[in-house]
Amino acid sequence: GGKIKSVAGLGDRSAFGLPDETGVIVLSVGDQSILSRSGLQAQDVICSANNQKMENAQAFIDLIQASKWKSKIPIEIIRNQKRIKTYLLLK
């Protein structure tokens, strides 16, 4: 589906207006991926998922794998330096 990467360095923090170096940057959403079906956009930063702070991209992937039996999980993203609560649609 899409492409993601961990927040890394002061450049990412500055570019996205982040308080620290944690989170997952959405680079692209891809066609029919869970990212696109959930309404995420390139340059969104996923801060938390299923009420857990997302430290990096691997933690996000692990959480999705562990939650596949659910239809959706709550996520919090930063888009244009604003926090938004929404859902990641897993099915």
PDB file of N, CA and C in Angstrom:
ATOM      1  N   GLY A   1       0.768  -1.204   0.000  1.00  0.00           N
ATOM      2  CA  GLY A   1       0.000   0.000   0.000  1.00  0.00           C
ATOM      3  C   GLY A   1       0.806   1.264   0.000  1.00  0.00           C
ATOM      4  N   GLY A   2       0.941   1.857   1.140  1.00  0.00           N
ATOM      5  CA  GLY A   2       1.590   3.157   1.230  1.00  0.00           C
ATOM      6  C   GLY A   2       3.008   3.052   1.747  1.00  0.00           C
ATOM      7  N   LYS A   3       3.624   4.202   1.933  1.00  0.00           N
ATOM      8  CA  LYS A   3       4.983   4.264   2.463  1.00  0.00           C
ATOM      9  C   LYS A   3       4.984   5.145   3.697  1.00  0.00           C
ATOM     10  N   ILE A   4       5.690   4.687   4.720  1.00  0.00           N
ATOM     11  CA  ILE A   4       5.817   5.436   5.965  1.00  0.00           C
ATOM     12  C   ILE A   4       7.278   5.457   6.382  1.00  0.00           C
ATOM     13  N   LYS A   5       7.608   6.371   7.307  1.00  0.00           N
ATOM     14  CA  LYS A   5       8.951   6.389   7.883  1.00  0.00           C
ATOM     15  C   LYS A   5       8.868   6.983   9.276  1.00  0.00           C
ATOM     16  N   SER A   6       9.825   6.652  10.080  1.00  0.00           N
ATOM     17  CA  SER A   6       9.894   7.193  11.432  1.00  0.00           C
ATOM     18  C   SER A   6      10.317   8.654  11.385  1.00  0.00           C
ATOM     19  N   VAL A   7       9.814   9.441  12.324  1.00  0.00           N
ATOM     20  CA  VAL A   7      10.301  10.809  12.494  1.00  0.00           C
ATOM     21  C   VAL A   7      11.765  10.704  12.909  1.00  0.00           C
ATOM     22  N   ALA A   8      12.612  11.479  12.257  1.00  0.00           N
ATOM     23  CA  ALA A   8      14.043  11.409  12.552  1.00  0.00           C
ATOM     24  C   ALA A   8      14.676  12.792  12.414  1.00  0.00           C
ATOM     25  N   GLY A   9      15.200  13.292  13.496  1.00  0.00           N
ATOM     26  CA  GLY A   9      15.981  14.514  13.459  1.00  0.00           C
ATOM     27  C   GLY A   9      15.185  15.801  13.607  1.00  0.00           C
ATOM     28  N   LEU A  10      15.947  16.857  13.799  1.00  0.00           N
ATOM     29  CA  LEU A  10      15.341  18.170  13.983  1.00  0.00           C
ATOM     30  C   LEU A  10      14.652  18.670  12.722  1.00  0.00           C
ATOM     31  N   GLY A  11      15.126  18.228  11.558  1.00  0.00           N
ATOM     32  CA  GLY A  11      14.490  18.641  10.303  1.00  0.00           C
ATOM     33  C   GLY A  11      13.042  18.196  10.237  1.00  0.00           C
ATOM     34  N   ASP A  12      12.780  16.935  10.581  1.00  0.00           N
ATOM     35  CA  ASP A  12      11.402  16.439  10.603  1.00  0.00           C
ATOM     36  C   ASP A  12      10.586  17.158  11.668  1.00  0.00           C
ATOM     37  N   ARG A  13      11.165  17.330  12.848  1.00  0.00           N
ATOM     38  CA  ARG A  13      10.443  18.025  13.925  1.00  0.00           C
ATOM     39  C   ARG A  13      10.028  19.416  13.479  1.00  0.00           C
ATOM     40  N   SER A  14      10.932  20.123  12.868  1.00  0.00           N
ATOM     41  CA  SER A  14      10.656  21.486  12.416  1.00  0.00           C
ATOM     42  C   SER A  14       9.641  21.509  11.278  1.00  0.00           C
ATOM     43  N   ALA A  15       9.822  20.634  10.303  1.00  0.00           N
ATOM     44  CA  ALA A  15       8.953  20.620   9.126  1.00  0.00           C
ATOM     45  C   ALA A  15       7.500  20.323   9.484  1.00  0.00           C
ATOM     46  N   PHE A  16       7.293  19.472  10.480  1.00  0.00           N
ATOM     47  CA  PHE A  16       5.939  19.050  10.823  1.00  0.00           C
ATOM     48  C   PHE A  16       5.421  19.671  12.115  1.00  0.00           C
ATOM     49  N   GLY A  17       6.235  20.505  12.762  1.00  0.00           N
ATOM     50  CA  GLY A  17       5.819  21.162  13.993  1.00  0.00           C
ATOM     51  C   GLY A  17       5.612  20.187  15.138  1.00  0.00           C
ATOM     52  N   LEU A  18       6.551  19.263  15.302  1.00  0.00           N
ATOM     53  CA  LEU A  18       6.403  18.203  16.297  1.00  0.00           C
ATOM     54  C   LEU A  18       7.121  18.555  17.596  1.00  0.00           C
ATOM     55  N   PRO A  19       6.579  18.098  18.728  1.00  0.00           N
ATOM     56  CA  PRO A  19       7.208  18.394  20.017  1.00  0.00           C
ATOM     57  C   PRO A  19       8.439  17.544  20.311  1.00  0.00           C
ATOM     58  N   ASP A  20       8.547  16.374  19.665  1.00  0.00           N
ATOM     59  CA  ASP A  20       9.685  15.497  19.899  1.00  0.00           C
ATOM     60  C   ASP A  20       9.933  14.644  18.650  1.00  0.00           C
ATOM     61  N   GLU A  21      10.878  13.721  18.751  1.00  0.00           N
ATOM     62  CA  GLU A  21      11.252  12.909  17.589  1.00  0.00           C
ATOM     63  C   GLU A  21      10.563  11.551  17.585  1.00  0.00           C
ATOM     64  N   THR A  22       9.294  11.532  17.931  1.00  0.00           N
ATOM     65  CA  THR A  22       8.521  10.294  17.858  1.00  0.00           C
ATOM     66  C   THR A  22       7.387  10.493  16.866  1.00  0.00           C
ATOM     67  N   GLY A  23       6.926   9.395  16.310  1.00  0.00           N
ATOM     68  CA  GLY A  23       5.823   9.442  15.367  1.00  0.00           C
ATOM     69  C   GLY A  23       6.196   8.777  14.055  1.00  0.00           C
ATOM     70  N   VAL A  24       5.192   8.691  13.198  1.00  0.00           N
ATOM     71  CA  VAL A  24       5.338   8.015  11.910  1.00  0.00           C
ATOM     72  C   VAL A  24       4.843   8.952  10.814  1.00  0.00           C
ATOM     73  N   ILE A  25       5.701   9.280   9.875  1.00  0.00           N
ATOM     74  CA  ILE A  25       5.349  10.171   8.769  1.00  0.00           C
ATOM     75  C   ILE A  25       4.804   9.332   7.620  1.00  0.00           C
ATOM     76  N   VAL A  26       3.655   9.737   7.093  1.00  0.00           N
ATOM     77  CA  VAL A  26       3.084   9.084   5.916  1.00  0.00           C
ATOM     78  C   VAL A  26       3.717   9.743   4.690  1.00  0.00           C
ATOM     79  N   LEU A  27       4.495   8.974   3.942  1.00  0.00           N
ATOM     80  CA  LEU A  27       5.140   9.494   2.739  1.00  0.00           C
ATOM     81  C   LEU A  27       4.202   9.429   1.537  1.00  0.00           C
ATOM     82  N   SER A  28       3.466   8.320   1.424  1.00  0.00           N
ATOM     83  CA  SER A  28       2.460   8.160   0.366  1.00  0.00           C
ATOM     84  C   SER A  28       1.420   7.172   0.876  1.00  0.00           C
ATOM     85  N   VAL A  29       0.196   7.283   0.357  1.00  0.00           N
ATOM     86  CA  VAL A  29      -0.875   6.423   0.862  1.00  0.00           C
ATOM     87  C   VAL A  29      -1.148   5.222  -0.020  1.00  0.00           C
ATOM     88  N   GLY A  30      -0.826   5.277  -1.300  1.00  0.00           N
ATOM     89  CA  GLY A  30      -1.058   4.141  -2.186  1.00  0.00           C
ATOM     90  C   GLY A  30      -2.540   3.927  -2.462  1.00  0.00           C
ATOM     91  N   ASP A  31      -2.826   3.271  -3.559  1.00  0.00           N
ATOM     92  CA  ASP A  31      -4.213   2.984  -3.931  1.00  0.00           C
ATOM     93  C   ASP A  31      -4.753   1.833  -3.107  1.00  0.00           C
ATOM     94  N   GLN A  32      -5.934   1.995  -2.562  1.00  0.00           N
ATOM     95  CA  GLN A  32      -6.635   0.950  -1.816  1.00  0.00           C
ATOM     96  C   GLN A  32      -5.873   0.426  -0.600  1.00  0.00           C
ATOM     97  N   SER A  33      -4.933   1.179  -0.080  1.00  0.00           N
ATOM     98  CA  SER A  33      -4.231   0.765   1.138  1.00  0.00           C
ATOM     99  C   SER A  33      -5.084   1.143   2.350  1.00  0.00           C
ATOM    100  N   ILE A  34      -4.725   0.600   3.507  1.00  0.00           N
ATOM    101  CA  ILE A  34      -5.481   0.980   4.702  1.00  0.00           C
ATOM    102  C   ILE A  34      -5.271   2.462   5.012  1.00  0.00           C
ATOM    103  N   LEU A  35      -4.152   3.014   4.587  1.00  0.00           N
ATOM    104  CA  LEU A  35      -3.910   4.446   4.793  1.00  0.00           C
ATOM    105  C   LEU A  35      -4.886   5.286   3.977  1.00  0.00           C
ATOM    106  N   SER A  36      -5.039   4.958   2.689  1.00  0.00           N
ATOM    107  CA  SER A  36      -5.943   5.746   1.836  1.00  0.00           C
ATOM    108  C   SER A  36      -7.402   5.525   2.224  1.00  0.00           C
ATOM    109  N   ARG A  37      -7.772   4.287   2.548  1.00  0.00           N
ATOM    110  CA  ARG A  37      -9.160   4.017   2.947  1.00  0.00           C
ATOM    111  C   ARG A  37      -9.519   4.738   4.247  1.00  0.00           C
ATOM    112  N   SER A  38      -8.520   5.031   5.052  1.00  0.00           N
ATOM    113  CA  SER A  38      -8.747   5.709   6.329  1.00  0.00           C
ATOM    114  C   SER A  38      -8.710   7.226   6.205  1.00  0.00           C
ATOM    115  N   GLY A  39      -8.463   7.731   5.001  1.00  0.00           N
ATOM    116  CA  GLY A  39      -8.458   9.174   4.786  1.00  0.00           C
ATOM    117  C   GLY A  39      -7.147   9.859   5.116  1.00  0.00           C
ATOM    118  N   LEU A  40      -6.098   9.088   5.323  1.00  0.00           N
ATOM    119  CA  LEU A  40      -4.804   9.704   5.595  1.00  0.00           C
ATOM    120  C   LEU A  40      -4.215  10.267   4.308  1.00  0.00           C
ATOM    121  N   GLN A  41      -3.349  11.244   4.478  1.00  0.00           N
ATOM    122  CA  GLN A  41      -2.727  11.915   3.339  1.00  0.00           C
ATOM    123  C   GLN A  41      -1.216  11.913   3.519  1.00  0.00           C
ATOM    124  N   ALA A  42      -0.513  12.064   2.402  1.00  0.00           N
ATOM    125  CA  ALA A  42       0.936  12.221   2.472  1.00  0.00           C
ATOM    126  C   ALA A  42       1.237  13.428   3.344  1.00  0.00           C
ATOM    127  N   GLN A  43       2.265  13.328   4.148  1.00  0.00           N
ATOM    128  CA  GLN A  43       2.734  14.347   5.078  1.00  0.00           C
ATOM    129  C   GLN A  43       1.978  14.370   6.404  1.00  0.00           C
ATOM    130  N   ASP A  44       0.993  13.473   6.601  1.00  0.00           N
ATOM    131  CA  ASP A  44       0.384  13.316   7.924  1.00  0.00           C
ATOM    132  C   ASP A  44       1.413  12.644   8.835  1.00  0.00           C
ATOM    133  N   VAL A  45       1.360  12.960  10.112  1.00  0.00           N
ATOM    134  CA  VAL A  45       2.230  12.310  11.094  1.00  0.00           C
ATOM    135  C   VAL A  45       1.335  11.585  12.092  1.00  0.00           C
ATOM    136  N   ILE A  46       1.505  10.274  12.198  1.00  0.00           N
ATOM    137  CA  ILE A  46       0.721   9.471  13.133  1.00  0.00           C
ATOM    138  C   ILE A  46       1.429   9.523  14.486  1.00  0.00           C
ATOM    139  N   CYS A  47       0.744  10.112  15.478  1.00  0.00           N
ATOM    140  CA  CYS A  47       1.333  10.277  16.815  1.00  0.00           C
ATOM    141  C   CYS A  47       0.989   9.121  17.738  1.00  0.00           C
ATOM    142  N   SER A  48      -0.259   8.640  17.628  1.00  0.00           N
ATOM    143  CA  SER A  48      -0.674   7.522  18.466  1.00  0.00           C
ATOM    144  C   SER A  48      -1.647   6.654  17.688  1.00  0.00           C
ATOM    145  N   ALA A  49      -1.702   5.394  18.087  1.00  0.00           N
ATOM    146  CA  ALA A  49      -2.626   4.434  17.487  1.00  0.00           C
ATOM    147  C   ALA A  49      -3.071   3.482  18.583  1.00  0.00           C
ATOM    148  N   ASN A  50      -4.363   3.253  18.640  1.00  0.00           N
ATOM    149  CA  ASN A  50      -4.944   2.379  19.661  1.00  0.00           C
ATOM    150  C   ASN A  50      -4.523   2.830  21.058  1.00  0.00           C
ATOM    151  N   ASN A  51      -4.487   4.156  21.238  1.00  0.00           N
ATOM    152  CA  ASN A  51      -4.143   4.796  22.516  1.00  0.00           C
ATOM    153  C   ASN A  51      -2.717   4.511  22.977  1.00  0.00           C
ATOM    154  N   GLN A  52      -1.834   4.194  22.027  1.00  0.00           N
ATOM    155  CA  GLN A  52      -0.418   3.989  22.329  1.00  0.00           C
ATOM    156  C   GLN A  52       0.409   4.988  21.519  1.00  0.00           C
ATOM    157  N   LYS A  53       1.350   5.647  22.183  1.00  0.00           N
ATOM    158  CA  LYS A  53       2.239   6.563  21.484  1.00  0.00           C
ATOM    159  C   LYS A  53       3.060   5.788  20.471  1.00  0.00           C
ATOM    160  N   MET A  54       3.133   6.289  19.252  1.00  0.00           N
ATOM    161  CA  MET A  54       3.903   5.614  18.207  1.00  0.00           C
ATOM    162  C   MET A  54       5.324   6.173  18.204  1.00  0.00           C
ATOM    163  N   GLU A  55       6.246   5.359  18.684  1.00  0.00           N
ATOM    164  CA  GLU A  55       7.646   5.772  18.771  1.00  0.00           C
ATOM    165  C   GLU A  55       8.308   5.804  17.399  1.00  0.00           C
ATOM    166  N   ASN A  56       7.936   4.830  16.529  1.00  0.00           N
ATOM    167  CA  ASN A  56       8.589   4.740  15.221  1.00  0.00           C
ATOM    168  C   ASN A  56       7.732   3.899  14.277  1.00  0.00           C
ATOM    169  N   ALA A  57       8.176   3.779  13.040  1.00  0.00           N
ATOM    170  CA  ALA A  57       7.414   3.054  12.017  1.00  0.00           C
ATOM    171  C   ALA A  57       7.263   1.571  12.359  1.00  0.00           C
ATOM    172  N   GLN A  58       8.282   0.957  12.923  1.00  0.00           N
ATOM    173  CA  GLN A  58       8.190  -0.466  13.264  1.00  0.00           C
ATOM    174  C   GLN A  58       7.122  -0.706  14.325  1.00  0.00           C
ATOM    175  N   ALA A  59       7.023   0.174  15.305  1.00  0.00           N
ATOM    176  CA  ALA A  59       5.985   0.043  16.338  1.00  0.00           C
ATOM    177  C   ALA A  59       4.594   0.136  15.711  1.00  0.00           C
ATOM    178  N   PHE A  60       4.438   1.002  14.716  1.00  0.00           N
ATOM    179  CA  PHE A  60       3.158   1.146  14.023  1.00  0.00           C
ATOM    180  C   PHE A  60       2.820  -0.129  13.245  1.00  0.00           C
ATOM    181  N   ILE A  61       3.778  -0.658  12.522  1.00  0.00           N
ATOM    182  CA  ILE A  61       3.562  -1.894  11.758  1.00  0.00           C
ATOM    183  C   ILE A  61       3.212  -3.049  12.703  1.00  0.00           C
ATOM    184  N   ASP A  62       3.941  -3.152  13.809  1.00  0.00           N
ATOM    185  CA  ASP A  62       3.670  -4.211  14.784  1.00  0.00           C
ATOM    186  C   ASP A  62       2.252  -4.090  15.344  1.00  0.00           C
ATOM    187  N   LEU A  63       1.827  -2.863  15.635  1.00  0.00           N
ATOM    188  CA  LEU A  63       0.487  -2.654  16.176  1.00  0.00           C
ATOM    189  C   LEU A  63      -0.591  -3.052  15.168  1.00  0.00           C
ATOM    190  N   ILE A  64      -0.391  -2.704  13.914  1.00  0.00           N
ATOM    191  CA  ILE A  64      -1.355  -3.089  12.872  1.00  0.00           C
ATOM    192  C   ILE A  64      -1.438  -4.608  12.775  1.00  0.00           C
ATOM    193  N   GLN A  65      -0.301  -5.279  12.779  1.00  0.00           N
ATOM    194  CA  GLN A  65      -0.287  -6.743  12.700  1.00  0.00           C
ATOM    195  C   GLN A  65      -1.032  -7.373  13.881  1.00  0.00           C
ATOM    196  N   ALA A  66      -0.843  -6.807  15.068  1.00  0.00           N
ATOM    197  CA  ALA A  66      -1.482  -7.352  16.266  1.00  0.00           C
ATOM    198  C   ALA A  66      -2.973  -7.023  16.332  1.00  0.00           C
ATOM    199  N   SER A  67      -3.410  -6.024  15.549  1.00  0.00           N
ATOM    200  CA  SER A  67      -4.804  -5.556  15.617  1.00  0.00           C
ATOM    201  C   SER A  67      -5.625  -5.955  14.402  1.00  0.00           C
ATOM    202  N   LYS A  68      -5.103  -6.821  13.547  1.00  0.00           N
ATOM    203  CA  LYS A  68      -5.802  -7.162  12.302  1.00  0.00           C
ATOM    204  C   LYS A  68      -7.199  -7.719  12.522  1.00  0.00           C
ATOM    205  N   TRP A  69      -7.467  -8.290  13.679  1.00  0.00           N
ATOM    206  CA  TRP A  69      -8.779  -8.869  13.948  1.00  0.00           C
ATOM    207  C   TRP A  69      -9.827  -7.788  14.201  1.00  0.00           C
ATOM    208  N   LYS A  70      -9.401  -6.552  14.446  1.00  0.00           N
ATOM    209  CA  LYS A  70     -10.334  -5.443  14.680  1.00  0.00           C
ATOM    210  C   LYS A  70     -10.710  -4.817  13.347  1.00  0.00           C
ATOM    211  N   SER A  71     -11.858  -4.151  13.324  1.00  0.00           N
ATOM    212  CA  SER A  71     -12.251  -3.467  12.092  1.00  0.00           C
ATOM    213  C   SER A  71     -11.610  -2.084  11.995  1.00  0.00           C
ATOM    214  N   LYS A  72     -11.343  -1.450  13.150  1.00  0.00           N
ATOM    215  CA  LYS A  72     -10.705  -0.135  13.138  1.00  0.00           C
ATOM    216  C   LYS A  72     -10.061   0.110  14.498  1.00  0.00           C
ATOM    217  N   ILE A  73      -9.083   1.015  14.492  1.00  0.00           N
ATOM    218  CA  ILE A  73      -8.450   1.429  15.737  1.00  0.00           C
ATOM    219  C   ILE A  73      -8.355   2.958  15.735  1.00  0.00           C
ATOM    220  N   PRO A  74      -8.477   3.575  16.914  1.00  0.00           N
ATOM    221  CA  PRO A  74      -8.354   5.031  16.974  1.00  0.00           C
ATOM    222  C   PRO A  74      -6.903   5.462  16.751  1.00  0.00           C
ATOM    223  N   ILE A  75      -6.746   6.549  16.016  1.00  0.00           N
ATOM    224  CA  ILE A  75      -5.415   7.126  15.820  1.00  0.00           C
ATOM    225  C   ILE A  75      -5.488   8.633  16.022  1.00  0.00           C
ATOM    226  N   GLU A  76      -4.347   9.207  16.330  1.00  0.00           N
ATOM    227  CA  GLU A  76      -4.223  10.656  16.400  1.00  0.00           C
ATOM    228  C   GLU A  76      -3.106  11.060  15.454  1.00  0.00           C
ATOM    229  N   ILE A  77      -3.416  12.013  14.582  1.00  0.00           N
ATOM    230  CA  ILE A  77      -2.433  12.463  13.601  1.00  0.00           C
ATOM    231  C   ILE A  77      -2.210  13.957  13.745  1.00  0.00           C
ATOM    232  N   ILE A  78      -1.116  14.412  13.186  1.00  0.00           N
ATOM    233  CA  ILE A  78      -0.875  15.841  13.017  1.00  0.00           C
ATOM    234  C   ILE A  78      -0.891  16.102  11.519  1.00  0.00           C
ATOM    235  N   ARG A  79      -1.797  16.999  11.118  1.00  0.00           N
ATOM    236  CA  ARG A  79      -1.904  17.418   9.721  1.00  0.00           C
ATOM    237  C   ARG A  79      -1.876  18.940   9.711  1.00  0.00           C
ATOM    238  N   ASN A  80      -0.943  19.495   8.969  1.00  0.00           N
ATOM    239  CA  ASN A  80      -0.788  20.948   8.914  1.00  0.00           C
ATOM    240  C   ASN A  80      -0.677  21.545  10.312  1.00  0.00           C
ATOM    241  N   GLN A  81       0.098  20.885  11.162  1.00  0.00           N
ATOM    242  CA  GLN A  81       0.398  21.295  12.530  1.00  0.00           C
ATOM    243  C   GLN A  81      -0.842  21.352  13.425  1.00  0.00           C
ATOM    244  N   LYS A  82      -1.898  20.606  13.074  1.00  0.00           N
ATOM    245  CA  LYS A  82      -3.099  20.503  13.907  1.00  0.00           C
ATOM    246  C   LYS A  82      -3.319  19.038  14.253  1.00  0.00           C
ATOM    247  N   ARG A  83      -3.667  18.786  15.507  1.00  0.00           N
ATOM    248  CA  ARG A  83      -3.950  17.408  15.943  1.00  0.00           C
ATOM    249  C   ARG A  83      -5.376  17.031  15.547  1.00  0.00           C
ATOM    250  N   ILE A  84      -5.503  15.830  14.988  1.00  0.00           N
ATOM    251  CA  ILE A  84      -6.792  15.321  14.529  1.00  0.00           C
ATOM    252  C   ILE A  84      -6.951  13.897  15.055  1.00  0.00           C
ATOM    253  N   LYS A  85      -8.112  13.610  15.644  1.00  0.00           N
ATOM    254  CA  LYS A  85      -8.425  12.240  16.065  1.00  0.00           C
ATOM    255  C   LYS A  85      -9.321  11.613  15.007  1.00  0.00           C
ATOM    256  N   THR A  86      -8.960  10.411  14.594  1.00  0.00           N
ATOM    257  CA  THR A  86      -9.713   9.698  13.571  1.00  0.00           C
ATOM    258  C   THR A  86      -9.524   8.199  13.783  1.00  0.00           C
ATOM    259  N   TYR A  87      -9.851   7.414  12.786  1.00  0.00           N
ATOM    260  CA  TYR A  87      -9.715   5.958  12.891  1.00  0.00           C
ATOM    261  C   TYR A  87      -8.916   5.407  11.717  1.00  0.00           C
ATOM    262  N   LEU A  88      -8.159   4.379  11.994  1.00  0.00           N
ATOM    263  CA  LEU A  88      -7.475   3.613  10.953  1.00  0.00           C
ATOM    264  C   LEU A  88      -8.368   2.402  10.670  1.00  0.00           C
ATOM    265  N   LEU A  89      -8.870   2.327   9.447  1.00  0.00           N
ATOM    266  CA  LEU A  89      -9.781   1.246   9.057  1.00  0.00           C
ATOM    267  C   LEU A  89      -8.970   0.035   8.621  1.00  0.00           C
ATOM    268  N   LEU A  90      -9.034  -1.022   9.384  1.00  0.00           N
ATOM    269  CA  LEU A  90      -8.216  -2.204   9.122  1.00  0.00           C
ATOM    270  C   LEU A  90      -8.889  -3.208   8.203  1.00  0.00           C
ATOM    271  N   LYS A  91     -10.191  -3.114   8.017  1.00  0.00           N
ATOM    272  CA  LYS A  91     -10.918  -4.045   7.147  1.00  0.00           C
ATOM    273  C   LYS A  91     -11.733  -3.289   6.119  1.00  0.00           C
TER     274      LYS A  91
END
